[in-house]
């Protein structure tokens, strides 16, 4: 029974087949000899081994006890590799400056990405192999999402490579990509305005009403909205996903500078 259970855990993961492919993916990254790199869900260690060749230190985090034991045996004589038998979602990263490179489990992708983006200390860069559909949602491609509009003032998110299904074992039923997440040196929203910005965006995406004109009716007068539509070059009846990041930032700037404080407080209280 124990063997069957472990087999089910392993088969729920899609491992990269080729060390050569891992090297090609690493060649597209900025990871080098000065970097501390965390790997999430190290599995059989195919990525771990290649990271150990180029990084200063590799911290490989593996939740599955059996796989963690195998990793400990495989890398016991590799000085720059540390194996952590733990759940990444429960693990506290102590390093202040680090990067991430990982082929993450698809069933907990959103939880992992949220932790990477919003649990300090956040990485300078992260390279994640994940399901294409999820990566498009996170990066706002081809159209922006609530997730991308919330994240992009703090990070740049971009799909930098597509992978074949046959690059994995077992072969998944979905397409996969490499997503690059990079922390912005200059934030697009001031740190003291972060909570208000998130409240504003969630308010805009959180209504059953289709158009932002109707959603923001309690916030902007019609004349203000008409002016914003003209100045920021979006349709008068635009929906939340039709606006670009720049247009959302323009809306927020107007809200912050022109809307009275009591309306701002009201918006916060509704979320």
Protein backbone atom coordinates (compact mmCIF):
# COMPACT_ATOMS: atom_id res chain seq x y z
CA UNK A 1 0.00 0.00 0.00
CA UNK A 2 2.84 2.39 0.85
CA UNK A 3 4.51 1.69 -2.51
CA UNK A 4 1.27 2.38 -4.39
CA UNK A 5 0.82 5.65 -2.53
CA UNK A 6 4.33 6.79 -3.41
CA UNK A 7 3.88 5.75 -7.02
CA UNK A 8 0.79 7.93 -7.21
CA UNK A 9 2.74 10.90 -5.83
CA UNK A 10 5.53 10.41 -8.39
CA UNK A 11 3.12 9.98 -11.31
CA UNK A 12 1.42 13.25 -10.35
CA UNK A 13 4.68 15.03 -11.25
CA UNK A 14 6.03 15.67 -14.72
CA UNK A 15 9.83 15.48 -14.73
CA UNK A 16 12.04 16.97 -17.42
CA UNK A 17 13.61 14.14 -19.41
CA UNK A 18 16.86 15.63 -20.61
CA UNK A 19 19.87 17.23 -18.92
CA UNK A 20 20.64 18.85 -22.27
CA UNK A 21 17.26 20.61 -22.22
CA UNK A 22 17.86 21.79 -18.65
CA UNK A 23 21.20 23.28 -19.74
CA UNK A 24 19.46 25.07 -22.63
CA UNK A 25 16.88 26.50 -20.23
CA UNK A 26 19.60 27.61 -17.82
CA UNK A 27 21.43 29.27 -20.71
CA UNK A 28 18.42 31.58 -21.12
CA UNK A 29 18.68 32.59 -17.45
CA UNK A 30 20.94 35.04 -15.64
CA UNK A 31 22.03 32.44 -13.06
CA UNK A 32 25.78 32.46 -12.48
CA UNK A 33 28.60 31.59 -10.14
CA UNK A 34 27.67 34.23 -7.53
CA UNK A 35 24.03 33.21 -7.13
CA UNK A 36 22.20 31.36 -4.38
CA UNK A 37 19.43 29.42 -6.13
CA UNK A 38 16.40 27.73 -4.63
CA UNK A 39 14.78 24.83 -6.46
CA UNK A 40 11.18 23.88 -5.67
CA UNK A 41 10.18 20.23 -5.98
CA UNK A 42 13.55 18.84 -6.99
CA UNK A 43 12.21 15.38 -7.76
CA UNK A 44 14.95 13.16 -9.18
CA UNK A 45 17.55 15.95 -9.23
CA UNK A 46 17.99 16.52 -12.96
CA UNK A 47 17.72 20.30 -12.54
CA UNK A 48 19.62 20.23 -9.24
CA UNK A 49 22.66 18.66 -10.90
CA UNK A 50 22.80 21.27 -13.65
CA UNK A 51 22.26 24.15 -11.21
CA UNK A 52 25.16 22.82 -9.10
CA UNK A 53 27.46 23.22 -12.12
CA UNK A 54 26.87 26.95 -12.49
CA UNK A 55 25.53 28.41 -9.19
CA UNK A 56 27.37 29.34 -6.02
CA UNK A 57 24.88 27.40 -3.90
CA UNK A 58 21.74 25.35 -4.59
CA UNK A 59 19.05 24.78 -1.97
CA UNK A 60 16.83 21.99 -3.26
CA UNK A 61 13.45 21.71 -1.50
CA UNK A 62 11.58 18.42 -1.89
CA UNK A 63 8.36 17.58 -0.06
CA UNK A 64 8.25 13.87 -0.88
CA UNK A 65 10.28 12.04 1.83
CA UNK A 66 11.31 9.21 -0.51
CA UNK A 67 12.56 11.56 -3.20
CA UNK A 68 14.30 13.73 -0.60
CA UNK A 69 16.21 10.67 0.65
CA UNK A 70 17.27 9.81 -2.88
CA UNK A 71 18.47 13.38 -3.40
CA UNK A 72 20.46 13.29 -0.16
CA UNK A 73 22.27 10.16 -1.36
CA UNK A 74 22.89 11.52 -4.84
CA UNK A 75 24.31 14.87 -3.71
CA UNK A 76 25.96 13.91 -0.43
CA UNK A 77 29.42 14.70 -1.84
CA UNK A 78 28.42 17.87 -3.71
CA UNK A 79 29.53 20.75 -1.51
CA UNK A 80 27.32 23.47 -2.99
CA UNK A 81 24.03 21.54 -2.80
CA UNK A 82 21.78 21.49 0.27
CA UNK A 83 18.74 19.22 0.33
CA UNK A 84 15.75 20.37 2.37
CA UNK A 85 13.03 17.78 3.05
CA UNK A 86 10.12 20.19 3.39
CA UNK A 87 7.09 21.72 1.71
CA UNK A 88 8.10 24.95 -0.05
CA UNK A 89 4.78 26.53 0.91
CA UNK A 90 5.66 26.03 4.60
CA UNK A 91 9.37 26.77 4.29
CA UNK A 92 10.85 30.14 5.30
CA UNK A 93 13.65 31.41 3.09
CA UNK A 94 16.33 33.12 5.15
CA UNK A 95 18.49 34.49 2.33
CA UNK A 96 17.90 38.12 1.44
CA UNK A 97 19.27 37.85 -2.10
CA UNK A 98 18.54 34.75 -4.12
CA UNK A 99 17.01 33.38 -7.31
CA UNK A 100 14.64 30.51 -8.05
CA UNK A 101 14.75 27.94 -10.84
CA UNK A 102 12.18 25.15 -10.72
CA UNK A 103 9.85 22.81 -12.53
CA UNK A 104 6.91 23.26 -10.18
CA UNK A 105 3.99 20.88 -9.49
CA UNK A 106 1.05 21.97 -11.64
CA UNK A 107 -1.61 21.28 -9.01
CA UNK A 108 -0.24 23.93 -6.60
CA UNK A 109 1.15 26.39 -9.16
CA UNK A 110 -0.92 29.39 -8.05
CA UNK A 111 -0.02 28.94 -4.37
CA UNK A 112 3.68 28.70 -5.21
CA UNK A 113 3.66 31.78 -7.44
CA UNK A 114 1.76 33.83 -4.84
CA UNK A 115 4.34 32.91 -2.22
CA UNK A 116 7.19 33.86 -4.55
CA UNK A 117 5.63 37.24 -5.32
CA UNK A 118 4.20 38.26 -1.97
CA UNK A 119 6.06 36.53 0.87
CA UNK A 120 9.24 38.41 1.81
CA UNK A 121 12.07 38.15 1.18
CA UNK A 122 11.10 37.89 -2.49
CA UNK A 123 13.62 36.64 -5.08
CA UNK A 124 15.43 38.94 -7.46
CA UNK A 125 14.46 36.57 -10.26
CA UNK A 126 12.55 33.32 -10.68
CA UNK A 127 12.46 30.91 -13.61
CA UNK A 128 9.49 28.54 -13.46
CA UNK A 129 8.52 25.66 -15.73
CA UNK A 130 4.73 25.53 -15.48
CA UNK A 131 1.51 25.03 -17.39
CA UNK A 132 1.15 27.47 -20.29
CA UNK A 133 -2.41 28.48 -19.39
CA UNK A 134 -1.33 29.44 -15.87
CA UNK A 135 1.71 31.34 -17.15
CA UNK A 136 -0.51 33.35 -19.50
CA UNK A 137 -2.77 34.26 -16.58
CA UNK A 138 0.18 35.34 -14.42
CA UNK A 139 1.89 37.33 -17.16
CA UNK A 140 -1.26 38.87 -18.63
CA UNK A 141 -0.79 37.32 -22.07
CA UNK A 142 -2.59 37.80 -24.42
CA UNK A 143 -4.79 40.02 -22.20
CA UNK A 144 -4.33 41.30 -18.67
CA UNK A 145 -5.89 39.52 -15.70
CA UNK A 146 -6.46 40.55 -12.10
CA UNK A 147 -3.40 38.51 -11.14
CA UNK A 148 -1.13 40.22 -13.70
CA UNK A 149 -2.38 43.74 -12.93
CA UNK A 150 -1.74 43.16 -9.22
CA UNK A 151 1.74 41.71 -9.76
CA UNK A 152 3.21 43.83 -12.55
CA UNK A 153 3.86 47.04 -10.60
CA UNK A 154 6.30 44.96 -8.51
CA UNK A 155 7.55 42.41 -11.05
CA UNK A 156 8.08 41.93 -14.74
CA UNK A 157 6.56 38.59 -15.84
CA UNK A 158 7.30 37.13 -19.27
CA UNK A 159 7.06 33.76 -21.01
CA UNK A 160 10.52 33.21 -22.50
CA UNK A 161 10.33 29.67 -23.89
CA UNK A 162 7.76 27.08 -24.91
CA UNK A 163 8.38 23.39 -24.25
CA UNK A 164 7.13 20.25 -25.96
CA UNK A 165 4.92 17.79 -24.11
CA UNK A 166 7.46 15.08 -24.95
CA UNK A 167 10.10 17.01 -22.95
CA UNK A 168 8.46 15.52 -19.82
CA UNK A 169 8.04 12.13 -18.23
CA UNK A 170 5.26 11.16 -17.93
CA UNK A 171 3.98 13.16 -20.91
CA UNK A 172 1.48 15.77 -19.62
CA UNK A 173 -1.88 16.52 -21.25
CA UNK A 174 -1.20 20.27 -21.19
CA UNK A 175 1.37 22.60 -22.75
CA UNK A 176 4.22 23.98 -20.65
CA UNK A 177 6.46 27.05 -20.79
CA UNK A 178 9.32 28.74 -18.95
CA UNK A 179 8.09 31.85 -17.13
CA UNK A 180 10.60 34.51 -16.09
CA UNK A 181 9.71 36.68 -13.09
CA UNK A 182 12.00 39.62 -12.32
CA UNK A 183 11.67 42.06 -9.45
CA UNK A 184 11.51 45.66 -10.61
CA UNK A 185 14.28 47.97 -9.39
CA UNK A 186 11.82 50.87 -9.47
CA UNK A 187 8.28 49.98 -8.39
CA UNK A 188 5.45 51.32 -10.56
CA UNK A 189 3.34 51.99 -7.45
CA UNK A 190 4.81 53.64 -4.35
CA UNK A 191 5.27 51.21 -1.48
CA UNK A 192 2.95 53.21 0.79
CA UNK A 193 0.20 52.99 -1.87
CA UNK A 194 0.45 49.22 -2.43
CA UNK A 195 -2.55 48.24 -0.29
CA UNK A 196 -4.74 50.96 -1.81
CA UNK A 197 -3.69 49.93 -5.33
CA UNK A 198 -4.55 46.28 -4.65
CA UNK A 199 -7.92 47.31 -3.19
CA UNK A 200 -8.60 49.46 -6.26
CA UNK A 201 -7.76 46.67 -8.73
CA UNK A 202 -9.72 44.02 -6.83
CA UNK A 203 -12.70 46.35 -6.71
CA UNK A 204 -12.47 46.76 -10.49
CA UNK A 205 -12.27 43.03 -11.16
CA UNK A 206 -14.60 41.90 -8.39
CA UNK A 207 -18.00 43.04 -9.65
CA UNK A 208 -20.58 41.12 -11.68
CA UNK A 209 -21.04 44.26 -13.79
CA UNK A 210 -19.27 43.99 -17.13
CA UNK A 211 -18.02 47.51 -17.77
CA UNK A 212 -15.65 49.51 -15.61
CA UNK A 213 -17.84 52.56 -16.16
CA UNK A 214 -20.60 50.84 -14.17
CA UNK A 215 -18.23 49.23 -11.67
CA UNK A 216 -16.56 52.54 -10.81
CA UNK A 217 -19.77 54.58 -10.88
CA UNK A 218 -19.61 55.09 -7.07
CA UNK A 219 -16.00 56.28 -7.44
CA UNK A 220 -15.84 58.44 -10.59
CA UNK A 221 -18.45 60.85 -11.94
CA UNK A 222 -19.50 60.29 -15.55
CA UNK A 223 -17.57 63.38 -16.60
CA UNK A 224 -14.43 62.13 -14.86
CA UNK A 225 -14.83 58.73 -16.53
CA UNK A 226 -15.39 60.22 -19.96
CA UNK A 227 -12.25 62.32 -19.54
CA UNK A 228 -10.23 59.32 -18.35
CA UNK A 229 -11.45 57.27 -21.30
CA UNK A 230 -10.24 59.97 -23.68
CA UNK A 231 -6.93 60.73 -21.95
CA UNK A 232 -5.95 57.08 -21.41
CA UNK A 233 -7.27 55.89 -24.79
CA UNK A 234 -9.67 53.15 -23.74
CA UNK A 235 -13.32 52.56 -24.76
CA UNK A 236 -15.97 54.19 -22.61
CA UNK A 237 -17.48 50.76 -21.86
CA UNK A 238 -14.17 48.91 -21.43
CA UNK A 239 -14.07 45.76 -19.31
CA UNK A 240 -11.33 45.12 -16.71
CA UNK A 241 -9.32 42.80 -19.01
CA UNK A 242 -9.39 45.28 -21.92
CA UNK A 243 -7.18 47.78 -20.09
CA UNK A 244 -3.41 47.61 -20.24
CA UNK A 245 -1.23 47.92 -17.15
CA UNK A 246 -0.43 51.52 -18.09
CA UNK A 247 -4.14 52.35 -18.29
CA UNK A 248 -4.83 50.74 -14.91
CA UNK A 249 -1.98 52.77 -13.43
CA UNK A 250 -3.44 55.91 -14.99
CA UNK A 251 -6.84 55.15 -13.46
CA UNK A 252 -5.26 54.58 -10.07
CA UNK A 253 -3.27 57.83 -10.23
CA UNK A 254 -6.48 59.73 -10.95
CA UNK A 255 -8.30 57.91 -8.15
CA UNK A 256 -5.52 58.65 -5.68
CA UNK A 257 -5.13 62.33 -6.58
CA UNK A 258 -8.71 63.40 -7.33
CA UNK A 259 -11.08 61.15 -5.40
CA UNK A 260 -11.82 62.33 -1.82
CA UNK A 261 -10.35 60.37 1.08
CA UNK A 262 -13.78 59.22 2.29
CA UNK A 263 -14.40 57.43 -1.03
CA UNK A 264 -10.97 55.81 -0.85
CA UNK A 265 -11.75 54.56 2.66
CA UNK A 266 -15.12 53.29 1.44
CA UNK A 267 -13.43 51.29 -1.32
CA UNK A 268 -11.03 49.68 1.17
CA UNK A 269 -13.89 48.72 3.46
CA UNK A 270 -15.72 46.85 0.71
CA UNK A 271 -12.87 44.38 0.21
